[in-house]
């Protein structure tokens, strides 16, 4: 499990594979100076609700991985995540398409 730290105050754990794909999508949007919402379902340990953050180029993000290697990239998943990020609802963690391991949606 890796973690995403937002604005030095909020740290959330995600599977390294999910985190790697999120980093690519978020990085692409921030390179274009685009702001957007990012939402995920919280772990039961913190209430099983949902959290949404406003991602903006001036807000600090840190991607910390448990493993030392970047996971293999699923281009179909990247496209789906990018489309989500470009929607009015913002980036949502979606099930990985064509994944033999099953859904990876809410961590």
N, C-alpha and C. Protein backbone atom coordinates (compact mmCIF):
# COMPACT_ATOMS: atom_id res chain seq x y z
N UNK A 1 0.84 -1.18 0.00
CA UNK A 1 0.00 0.00 0.00
C UNK A 1 0.87 1.24 0.00
N UNK A 2 0.63 2.09 -0.96
CA UNK A 2 1.30 3.38 -1.01
C UNK A 2 0.40 4.43 -0.40
N UNK A 3 0.84 5.66 -0.45
CA UNK A 3 0.02 6.73 0.10
C UNK A 3 0.10 7.98 -0.77
N UNK A 4 -0.97 8.72 -0.73
CA UNK A 4 -1.05 10.03 -1.36
C UNK A 4 -1.24 11.04 -0.24
N UNK A 5 -0.31 11.99 -0.14
CA UNK A 5 -0.42 13.04 0.88
C UNK A 5 -0.79 14.33 0.17
N UNK A 6 -1.83 14.96 0.67
CA UNK A 6 -2.40 16.17 0.07
C UNK A 6 -2.17 17.35 1.00
N UNK A 7 -1.52 18.37 0.52
CA UNK A 7 -1.33 19.62 1.24
C UNK A 7 -0.72 19.42 2.64
N UNK A 8 0.15 18.47 2.77
CA UNK A 8 0.87 18.18 4.01
C UNK A 8 -0.05 17.80 5.17
N UNK A 9 -1.35 17.63 4.93
CA UNK A 9 -2.26 17.42 6.06
C UNK A 9 -3.12 16.17 5.94
N UNK A 10 -3.38 15.69 4.76
CA UNK A 10 -4.23 14.52 4.56
C UNK A 10 -3.41 13.45 3.86
N UNK A 11 -3.35 12.27 4.46
CA UNK A 11 -2.62 11.15 3.85
C UNK A 11 -3.57 9.97 3.73
N UNK A 12 -3.65 9.41 2.53
CA UNK A 12 -4.58 8.33 2.24
C UNK A 12 -3.82 7.17 1.60
N UNK A 13 -4.12 5.94 2.04
CA UNK A 13 -3.46 4.77 1.47
C UNK A 13 -4.22 4.25 0.26
N UNK A 14 -3.44 3.91 -0.78
CA UNK A 14 -3.96 3.27 -1.97
C UNK A 14 -3.01 2.15 -2.36
N UNK A 15 -3.53 1.14 -2.99
CA UNK A 15 -2.70 0.09 -3.56
C UNK A 15 -1.71 0.74 -4.52
N UNK A 16 -0.46 0.24 -4.54
CA UNK A 16 0.56 0.83 -5.42
C UNK A 16 0.11 0.89 -6.87
N UNK A 17 -0.60 -0.13 -7.33
CA UNK A 17 -1.06 -0.15 -8.73
C UNK A 17 -2.05 0.98 -8.99
N UNK A 18 -2.99 1.15 -8.09
CA UNK A 18 -3.96 2.24 -8.22
C UNK A 18 -3.23 3.58 -8.15
N UNK A 19 -2.34 3.71 -7.17
CA UNK A 19 -1.61 4.96 -6.98
C UNK A 19 -0.77 5.33 -8.20
N UNK A 20 -0.15 4.35 -8.83
CA UNK A 20 0.64 4.61 -10.02
C UNK A 20 -0.19 5.18 -11.15
N UNK A 21 -1.38 4.64 -11.35
CA UNK A 21 -2.25 5.14 -12.41
C UNK A 21 -2.80 6.53 -12.04
N UNK A 22 -3.12 6.74 -10.77
CA UNK A 22 -3.57 8.06 -10.33
C UNK A 22 -2.49 9.10 -10.55
N UNK A 23 -1.24 8.75 -10.25
CA UNK A 23 -0.14 9.69 -10.43
C UNK A 23 -0.03 10.12 -11.89
N UNK A 24 -0.16 9.18 -12.80
CA UNK A 24 -0.06 9.52 -14.22
C UNK A 24 -1.18 10.45 -14.67
N UNK A 25 -2.40 10.17 -14.22
CA UNK A 25 -3.55 10.99 -14.62
C UNK A 25 -3.47 12.37 -13.97
N UNK A 26 -3.21 12.40 -12.68
CA UNK A 26 -3.12 13.67 -11.96
C UNK A 26 -1.96 14.50 -12.51
N UNK A 27 -0.83 13.87 -12.74
CA UNK A 27 0.33 14.59 -13.28
C UNK A 27 0.04 15.20 -14.64
N UNK A 28 -0.66 14.48 -15.50
CA UNK A 28 -0.98 15.00 -16.83
C UNK A 28 -1.88 16.24 -16.72
N UNK A 29 -2.86 16.20 -15.84
CA UNK A 29 -3.75 17.35 -15.69
C UNK A 29 -3.02 18.55 -15.09
N UNK A 30 -2.16 18.30 -14.11
CA UNK A 30 -1.44 19.41 -13.49
C UNK A 30 -0.41 20.02 -14.44
N UNK A 31 0.18 19.20 -15.31
CA UNK A 31 1.12 19.74 -16.32
C UNK A 31 0.40 20.72 -17.24
N UNK A 32 -0.89 20.47 -17.46
CA UNK A 32 -1.69 21.37 -18.31
C UNK A 32 -2.30 22.51 -17.49
N UNK A 33 -1.89 22.59 -16.21
CA UNK A 33 -2.37 23.64 -15.30
C UNK A 33 -3.88 23.55 -15.08
N UNK A 34 -4.43 22.34 -15.07
CA UNK A 34 -5.85 22.11 -14.87
C UNK A 34 -6.12 21.71 -13.42
N UNK A 35 -7.18 22.27 -12.86
CA UNK A 35 -7.65 21.92 -11.52
C UNK A 35 -8.88 21.03 -11.66
N UNK A 36 -9.12 20.19 -10.65
CA UNK A 36 -10.24 19.25 -10.73
C UNK A 36 -10.50 18.64 -9.36
N UNK A 37 -11.67 18.04 -9.21
CA UNK A 37 -12.00 17.29 -8.00
C UNK A 37 -11.45 15.86 -8.13
N UNK A 38 -11.08 15.27 -7.01
CA UNK A 38 -10.69 13.87 -6.94
C UNK A 38 -11.41 13.28 -5.74
N UNK A 39 -12.22 12.23 -5.97
CA UNK A 39 -13.03 11.60 -4.93
C UNK A 39 -12.71 10.12 -4.82
N UNK A 40 -12.81 9.59 -3.62
CA UNK A 40 -12.65 8.16 -3.38
C UNK A 40 -13.49 7.76 -2.19
N UNK A 41 -13.73 6.47 -2.09
CA UNK A 41 -14.46 5.92 -0.96
C UNK A 41 -13.47 5.66 0.16
N UNK A 42 -13.81 6.11 1.36
CA UNK A 42 -12.93 5.93 2.51
C UNK A 42 -12.93 4.49 3.00
N UNK A 43 -11.84 4.11 3.60
CA UNK A 43 -11.72 2.81 4.23
C UNK A 43 -12.66 2.75 5.44
N UNK A 44 -13.14 1.57 5.77
CA UNK A 44 -14.04 1.41 6.92
C UNK A 44 -13.40 1.90 8.21
N UNK A 45 -12.07 1.84 8.30
CA UNK A 45 -11.39 2.30 9.52
C UNK A 45 -11.60 3.78 9.80
N UNK A 46 -11.94 4.55 8.77
CA UNK A 46 -12.14 5.98 8.96
C UNK A 46 -13.58 6.41 8.67
N UNK A 47 -14.50 5.47 8.73
CA UNK A 47 -15.90 5.82 8.62
C UNK A 47 -16.64 5.35 7.40
N UNK A 48 -15.95 4.77 6.43
CA UNK A 48 -16.60 4.20 5.24
C UNK A 48 -17.41 5.22 4.44
N UNK A 49 -17.02 6.48 4.51
CA UNK A 49 -17.70 7.51 3.73
C UNK A 49 -16.97 7.78 2.43
N UNK A 50 -17.07 9.00 1.96
CA UNK A 50 -16.36 9.43 0.75
C UNK A 50 -15.59 10.70 1.08
N UNK A 51 -14.47 10.86 0.41
CA UNK A 51 -13.68 12.08 0.55
C UNK A 51 -13.47 12.66 -0.85
N UNK A 52 -13.55 13.98 -0.93
CA UNK A 52 -13.28 14.70 -2.18
C UNK A 52 -12.30 15.82 -1.87
N UNK A 53 -11.28 15.93 -2.70
CA UNK A 53 -10.32 17.03 -2.58
C UNK A 53 -10.32 17.82 -3.88
N UNK A 54 -9.92 19.08 -3.78
CA UNK A 54 -9.74 19.94 -4.94
C UNK A 54 -8.26 19.88 -5.29
N UNK A 55 -7.93 19.38 -6.46
CA UNK A 55 -6.54 19.26 -6.89
C UNK A 55 -6.22 20.48 -7.75
N UNK A 56 -5.18 21.18 -7.34
CA UNK A 56 -4.78 22.42 -8.00
C UNK A 56 -3.25 22.44 -8.10
N UNK A 57 -2.70 23.02 -9.15
CA UNK A 57 -1.24 23.01 -9.32
C UNK A 57 -0.44 23.61 -8.17
N UNK A 58 -1.06 24.45 -7.34
CA UNK A 58 -0.31 25.07 -6.24
C UNK A 58 -0.39 24.28 -4.94
N UNK A 59 -1.16 23.19 -4.92
CA UNK A 59 -1.32 22.40 -3.69
C UNK A 59 -0.37 21.20 -3.75
N UNK A 60 0.36 21.01 -2.68
CA UNK A 60 1.36 19.95 -2.61
C UNK A 60 0.73 18.55 -2.61
N UNK A 61 1.28 17.67 -3.45
CA UNK A 61 0.91 16.25 -3.48
C UNK A 61 2.18 15.43 -3.38
N UNK A 62 2.14 14.38 -2.57
CA UNK A 62 3.26 13.46 -2.47
C UNK A 62 2.73 12.05 -2.70
N UNK A 63 3.34 11.34 -3.65
CA UNK A 63 3.00 9.95 -3.94
C UNK A 63 4.09 9.09 -3.33
N UNK A 64 3.76 8.28 -2.34
CA UNK A 64 4.73 7.42 -1.66
C UNK A 64 4.33 5.97 -1.88
N UNK A 65 5.25 5.19 -2.48
CA UNK A 65 4.97 3.80 -2.82
C UNK A 65 5.61 2.84 -1.82
N UNK A 66 4.92 1.75 -1.56
CA UNK A 66 5.47 0.71 -0.72
C UNK A 66 6.55 -0.05 -1.49
N UNK A 67 6.26 -0.40 -2.74
CA UNK A 67 7.20 -1.13 -3.59
C UNK A 67 8.17 -0.18 -4.27
N UNK A 68 9.25 -0.75 -4.79
CA UNK A 68 10.29 0.08 -5.41
C UNK A 68 10.11 0.25 -6.92
N UNK A 69 9.20 -0.49 -7.52
CA UNK A 69 9.01 -0.42 -8.98
C UNK A 69 7.65 0.15 -9.33
N UNK A 70 7.64 0.90 -10.42
CA UNK A 70 6.37 1.42 -10.93
C UNK A 70 5.57 0.25 -11.50
N UNK A 71 4.29 0.13 -11.13
CA UNK A 71 3.46 -0.95 -11.68
C UNK A 71 3.30 -0.82 -13.19
N UNK A 72 3.06 -1.95 -13.86
CA UNK A 72 2.79 -1.92 -15.30
C UNK A 72 1.56 -1.06 -15.56
N UNK A 73 1.59 -0.33 -16.66
CA UNK A 73 0.52 0.61 -16.97
C UNK A 73 -0.52 -0.06 -17.85
N UNK A 74 -1.78 0.07 -17.46
CA UNK A 74 -2.91 -0.40 -18.25
C UNK A 74 -3.46 0.83 -18.97
N UNK A 75 -3.19 0.94 -20.27
CA UNK A 75 -3.59 2.13 -21.03
C UNK A 75 -5.11 2.33 -21.06
N UNK A 76 -5.87 1.22 -21.11
CA UNK A 76 -7.32 1.35 -21.09
C UNK A 76 -7.81 1.97 -19.78
N UNK A 77 -7.17 1.60 -18.68
CA UNK A 77 -7.52 2.16 -17.38
C UNK A 77 -7.15 3.64 -17.31
N UNK A 78 -5.98 3.99 -17.85
CA UNK A 78 -5.58 5.40 -17.89
C UNK A 78 -6.60 6.24 -18.64
N UNK A 79 -7.04 5.74 -19.78
CA UNK A 79 -8.03 6.47 -20.58
C UNK A 79 -9.32 6.66 -19.80
N UNK A 80 -9.79 5.59 -19.13
CA UNK A 80 -11.02 5.68 -18.35
C UNK A 80 -10.87 6.67 -17.19
N UNK A 81 -9.73 6.63 -16.51
CA UNK A 81 -9.48 7.57 -15.41
C UNK A 81 -9.37 9.00 -15.91
N UNK A 82 -8.72 9.20 -17.06
CA UNK A 82 -8.62 10.54 -17.63
C UNK A 82 -10.00 11.08 -18.01
N UNK A 83 -10.85 10.25 -18.57
CA UNK A 83 -12.20 10.68 -18.92
C UNK A 83 -12.97 11.06 -17.65
N UNK A 84 -12.79 10.28 -16.60
CA UNK A 84 -13.42 10.60 -15.33
C UNK A 84 -12.93 11.95 -14.82
N UNK A 85 -11.61 12.17 -14.86
CA UNK A 85 -11.04 13.42 -14.37
C UNK A 85 -11.54 14.63 -15.16
N UNK A 86 -11.87 14.42 -16.42
CA UNK A 86 -12.34 15.51 -17.27
C UNK A 86 -13.85 15.73 -17.17
N UNK A 87 -14.54 14.92 -16.39
CA UNK A 87 -15.99 15.05 -16.24
C UNK A 87 -16.32 16.08 -15.16
N UNK A 88 -17.59 16.47 -15.08
CA UNK A 88 -18.03 17.42 -14.07
C UNK A 88 -17.83 16.89 -12.65
N UNK A 89 -17.93 15.58 -12.48
CA UNK A 89 -17.77 14.98 -11.15
C UNK A 89 -16.33 14.84 -10.72
N UNK A 90 -15.40 14.98 -11.63
CA UNK A 90 -13.99 14.86 -11.31
C UNK A 90 -13.50 13.43 -11.30
N UNK A 91 -12.23 13.27 -10.96
CA UNK A 91 -11.57 11.97 -10.97
C UNK A 91 -12.16 11.05 -9.91
N UNK A 92 -12.57 9.87 -10.34
CA UNK A 92 -13.07 8.82 -9.47
C UNK A 92 -12.21 7.58 -9.71
N UNK A 93 -12.01 6.78 -8.69
CA UNK A 93 -11.26 5.54 -8.87
C UNK A 93 -12.22 4.52 -9.47
N UNK A 94 -11.92 4.07 -10.66
CA UNK A 94 -12.77 3.15 -11.41
C UNK A 94 -12.17 1.75 -11.39
N UNK A 95 -13.00 0.77 -11.66
CA UNK A 95 -12.54 -0.60 -11.80
C UNK A 95 -11.57 -0.69 -12.97
N UNK A 96 -10.51 -1.43 -12.79
CA UNK A 96 -9.54 -1.60 -13.87
C UNK A 96 -10.12 -2.47 -14.96
N UNK A 97 -10.21 -1.97 -16.21
CA UNK A 97 -10.72 -2.79 -17.31
C UNK A 97 -9.73 -3.89 -17.66
N UNK A 98 -10.25 -5.00 -18.11
CA UNK A 98 -9.44 -6.14 -18.56
C UNK A 98 -8.47 -6.63 -17.50
N UNK A 99 -8.89 -6.56 -16.25
CA UNK A 99 -8.03 -6.99 -15.16
C UNK A 99 -8.43 -8.39 -14.70
N UNK A 100 -7.52 -9.37 -14.80
CA UNK A 100 -7.85 -10.71 -14.35
C UNK A 100 -7.98 -10.80 -12.83
N UNK A 101 -7.43 -9.80 -12.12
CA UNK A 101 -7.47 -9.84 -10.66
C UNK A 101 -8.78 -9.32 -10.10
N UNK A 102 -9.67 -8.82 -10.95
CA UNK A 102 -10.97 -8.34 -10.48
C UNK A 102 -10.96 -6.84 -10.23
N UNK A 103 -12.02 -6.33 -9.59
CA UNK A 103 -12.16 -4.90 -9.40
C UNK A 103 -11.08 -4.32 -8.49
N UNK A 104 -10.71 -3.09 -8.80
CA UNK A 104 -9.75 -2.36 -7.96
C UNK A 104 -10.35 -1.01 -7.60
N UNK A 105 -11.65 -0.89 -7.70
CA UNK A 105 -12.31 0.40 -7.59
C UNK A 105 -12.08 1.19 -6.32
N UNK A 106 -12.51 0.72 -5.19
CA UNK A 106 -12.44 1.53 -3.96
C UNK A 106 -11.36 1.04 -3.02
N UNK A 107 -10.19 0.81 -3.55
CA UNK A 107 -9.01 0.37 -2.81
C UNK A 107 -9.18 -1.06 -2.47
